Protein backbone atom coordinates (compact mmCIF):
# COMPACT_ATOMS: atom_id res chain seq x y z
CA MET A 1 0.00 0.00 0.00
CA ASP A 2 1.24 3.49 -0.74
CA GLU A 3 1.67 5.98 2.08
CA VAL A 4 0.94 9.57 0.99
CA GLU A 5 1.86 12.38 3.37
CA LEU A 6 2.88 15.97 4.00
CA LYS A 7 4.51 17.62 7.03
CA SER A 8 4.62 21.14 8.42
CA VAL A 9 6.01 23.02 11.38
CA VAL A 10 3.16 23.75 13.81
CA ASP A 11 2.76 27.28 15.10
CA ASP A 12 0.49 26.42 18.06
CA VAL A 13 -0.21 22.76 18.89
CA VAL A 14 -3.02 23.49 21.36
CA MET A 15 -4.87 25.75 18.92
CA ARG A 16 -4.42 23.35 15.96
CA ARG A 17 -5.52 20.32 18.00
CA ALA A 18 -8.65 22.22 19.01
CA ALA A 19 -9.29 23.07 15.36
CA VAL A 20 -9.20 19.44 14.20
CA GLU A 21 -11.35 18.39 17.16
CA ARG A 22 -13.95 21.00 16.15
CA ALA A 23 -13.82 19.54 12.64
CA GLY A 24 -14.77 16.13 14.08
CA ALA A 25 -11.37 14.44 14.41
CA THR A 26 -11.11 11.56 16.88
CA LEU A 27 -8.07 11.27 19.14
CA MET A 28 -6.61 7.81 18.50
CA PHE A 29 -3.49 7.99 20.68
CA ALA A 30 -1.66 10.46 22.92
CA GLY A 31 1.65 9.54 24.47
CA HIS A 32 5.23 8.62 23.63
CA LEU A 33 6.22 7.25 20.23
CA GLU A 34 9.60 5.54 19.79
CA ASP A 35 10.92 4.85 16.30
CA ARG A 36 13.98 2.66 15.84
CA ARG A 37 15.23 2.23 12.30
CA TYR A 38 17.33 -0.81 11.53
CA ASP A 39 19.92 -1.61 8.89
CA THR A 40 22.86 -3.91 8.28
CA ALA A 41 26.44 -2.88 9.02
CA ASP A 42 26.99 -2.09 5.32
CA GLN A 43 23.83 0.11 5.18
CA ALA A 44 22.23 -2.18 2.57
CA LEU A 45 18.73 -0.82 3.24
CA THR A 46 19.66 2.86 3.42
CA SER A 47 21.63 2.64 0.18
CA ARG A 48 18.39 1.58 -1.56
CA ASP A 49 16.24 4.15 0.34
CA HIS A 50 14.42 1.38 2.21
CA VAL A 51 13.37 1.67 5.86
CA LEU A 52 12.96 -1.18 8.36
CA ARG A 53 11.41 0.28 11.50
CA VAL A 54 10.09 -0.82 14.86
CA ARG A 55 7.63 1.68 16.29
CA ILE A 56 6.49 1.45 19.93
CA TYR A 57 3.57 3.46 21.29
CA ARG A 58 3.61 4.05 25.06
CA ASP A 59 1.11 5.85 27.26
CA ASP A 60 0.13 5.89 30.94
CA VAL A 61 -2.93 3.67 30.51
CA ASN A 62 -2.32 0.85 28.03
CA ALA A 63 0.34 -1.78 27.54
CA PRO A 64 2.92 -0.72 24.93
CA ARG A 65 1.89 -1.41 21.33
CA ALA A 66 4.51 -2.27 18.73
CA GLU A 67 4.57 -2.22 14.93
CA LEU A 68 7.06 -3.47 12.38
CA ASP A 69 7.20 -1.41 9.18
CA TRP A 70 8.99 -1.62 5.86
CA LYS A 71 9.04 1.39 3.55
CA GLY A 72 10.24 1.49 -0.03
CA PRO A 73 12.00 4.33 -1.84
CA THR A 74 10.56 7.83 -1.50
CA ARG A 75 8.78 9.33 -4.47
CA ARG A 76 7.39 12.82 -4.86
CA GLU A 77 4.24 12.75 -6.93
CA ASN A 78 1.93 15.70 -7.63
CA GLY A 79 3.28 17.61 -4.62
CA TYR A 80 2.99 14.73 -2.12
CA LYS A 81 5.57 12.46 -0.53
CA THR A 82 4.71 8.87 -1.43
CA ARG A 83 6.29 5.53 -0.66
CA GLN A 84 5.20 1.93 -0.53
CA GLU A 85 4.66 0.76 3.04
CA ILE A 86 3.90 -2.55 4.68
CA GLU A 87 3.22 -2.61 8.42
CA THR A 88 2.02 -5.09 10.98
CA ARG A 89 1.31 -4.99 14.69
CA VAL A 90 3.57 -7.08 16.87
CA HIS A 91 2.58 -8.57 20.21
CA ASP A 92 6.03 -8.36 21.85
CA GLY A 93 8.20 -5.48 20.63
CA ASP A 94 11.15 -6.45 22.84
CA LYS A 95 11.33 -9.93 21.32
CA LEU A 96 11.05 -8.47 17.84
CA VAL A 97 14.05 -6.25 18.58
CA ASP A 98 15.96 -9.35 19.77
CA ILE A 99 15.10 -11.18 16.53
CA LEU A 100 16.30 -8.28 14.38
CA GLY A 101 19.58 -8.23 16.33
CA MET A 102 20.06 -11.97 15.84
CA LEU A 103 19.57 -11.46 12.09
CA GLY A 104 22.36 -8.87 12.01
CA TYR A 105 20.28 -5.70 12.01
CA ARG A 106 21.28 -2.80 14.25
CA VAL A 107 19.64 0.48 15.20
CA THR A 108 20.84 3.24 12.87
CA VAL A 109 18.32 5.96 13.74
CA SER A 110 16.43 6.62 16.98
CA ILE A 111 13.52 9.04 17.08
CA ASP A 112 11.52 9.86 20.22
CA ARG A 113 8.57 12.18 20.41
CA GLU A 114 5.39 12.94 22.28
CA ILE A 115 2.45 12.71 19.94
CA ALA A 116 -1.27 13.28 19.64
CA GLN A 117 -2.62 11.26 16.73
CA TYR A 118 -6.08 11.87 15.29
CA ASP A 119 -8.31 10.35 12.65
CA LEU A 120 -10.32 12.79 10.55
CA ASN A 121 -12.54 10.98 8.05
CA GLY A 122 -9.90 8.32 7.40
CA THR A 123 -6.97 10.72 7.38
CA MET A 124 -4.24 10.53 10.03
CA ILE A 125 -3.19 13.82 11.63
CA ARG A 126 -0.26 13.48 14.04
CA PHE A 127 1.16 16.29 16.15
CA GLU A 128 4.78 15.62 17.12
CA ARG A 129 6.87 17.20 19.89
CA TYR A 130 10.56 16.27 19.84
CA PRO A 131 13.07 16.60 22.70
CA ARG A 132 14.54 19.74 21.04
CA MET A 133 13.22 20.84 17.69
CA ASP A 134 10.21 22.50 16.13
CA ASP A 135 6.84 20.85 16.72
CA LEU A 136 5.57 19.20 13.54
CA VAL A 137 2.26 17.98 12.19
CA GLU A 138 2.07 15.12 9.70
CA VAL A 139 -1.01 14.48 7.59
CA GLU A 140 -1.39 11.11 5.86
CA GLY A 141 -4.16 9.88 3.59
CA THR A 142 -5.36 10.35 0.05
CA PRO A 143 -4.44 13.69 -1.56
CA GLU A 144 -8.07 14.86 -1.34
CA LYS A 145 -8.35 13.93 2.35
CA ILE A 146 -4.96 15.50 3.11
CA GLU A 147 -6.21 18.80 1.65
CA GLU A 148 -9.39 18.52 3.74
CA ALA A 149 -7.31 17.94 6.90
CA ILE A 150 -5.06 20.91 6.14
CA ARG A 151 -8.13 23.12 5.80
CA ALA A 152 -9.39 21.80 9.16
CA LEU A 153 -6.03 22.62 10.76
CA GLY A 154 -6.38 26.21 9.52
CA MET A 155 -2.67 26.43 8.69
CA PRO A 156 -1.18 27.92 5.50
CA ARG A 157 -1.15 25.29 2.75
CA ASP A 158 2.32 26.31 1.52
CA GLY A 159 3.83 25.23 4.85
CA PHE A 160 3.01 21.57 4.11
CA ILE A 161 5.89 19.99 2.27
CA THR A 162 7.34 16.63 1.24
CA ASP A 163 10.60 17.02 3.20
CA ARG A 164 12.06 14.33 5.44
CA LEU A 165 12.63 14.82 9.15
CA ASN A 166 16.33 15.52 8.53
CA ASP A 167 15.38 18.52 6.38
CA PHE A 168 13.31 19.97 9.25
CA VAL A 169 16.27 19.34 11.60
CA THR A 170 18.65 21.20 9.28
CA ARG A 171 16.33 24.22 9.05
CA PHE A 172 15.83 24.28 12.83
CA GLU A 173 19.59 24.23 13.45
CA LYS A 174 20.30 26.90 10.84
CA ARG A 175 17.53 29.17 12.14
CA THR A 176 18.27 28.79 15.87
CA GLY A 177 22.00 28.05 15.95
CA ARG A 178 21.18 25.16 18.32
CA ARG A 179 21.66 21.47 17.78
CA ALA A 180 18.36 19.63 17.33
CA ALA A 181 17.57 16.50 19.34
CA THR A 182 15.08 14.09 17.81
CA SER A 183 15.76 11.39 20.39
CA ASN A 184 16.17 11.32 24.14
CA ALA A 185 19.67 9.84 23.70
CA THR A 186 20.74 12.73 21.45
CA LEU A 187 19.41 15.25 23.96
CA ALA A 188 21.30 13.57 26.81
CA SER A 189 24.53 13.35 24.80
CA ASN A 190 24.87 17.04 23.99
CA THR A 191 24.91 20.03 26.26
CA ASP A 192 23.42 22.55 23.85
CA GLY A 193 20.49 23.11 26.16
């Protein structure tokens, strides 16, 4: 299945969450989201623009929920970021991580963020707060539904772009002169507070 998405920096998370709630969006999850991307020592996946990811959702109420995802090469089509994606829920994320290690995969990218994820008429809207970087909103669905969600957010359309997280990091660092931290480990390892 193809994943179609856009991202934008969020000016005011509280205001934009209220806007999508007024538009009828349903909160699907609020809590901590951990992404761990895996690759081989020779970067075989990265060299082909493939992603192998374990994603763990944690909150104060439910048991952690894990997903295993594969993503194919990124395409930009008609102004949207698109890539083939296959994902499945996994009962025991810790054991999955052990299996990947036994197969020779290692974590190459760690991303931690607090999120609020909504569904608006079949479109995913996820607000993301990183340890030290701009807050982002990602909108994923069909192009028509993405446009509907952007209107519900009430944000300027031209702020929604196809860039990867690293592009947002680069702009944050250039604008602020501070080193971004997209994981708790990165935040702990540098003193640019």
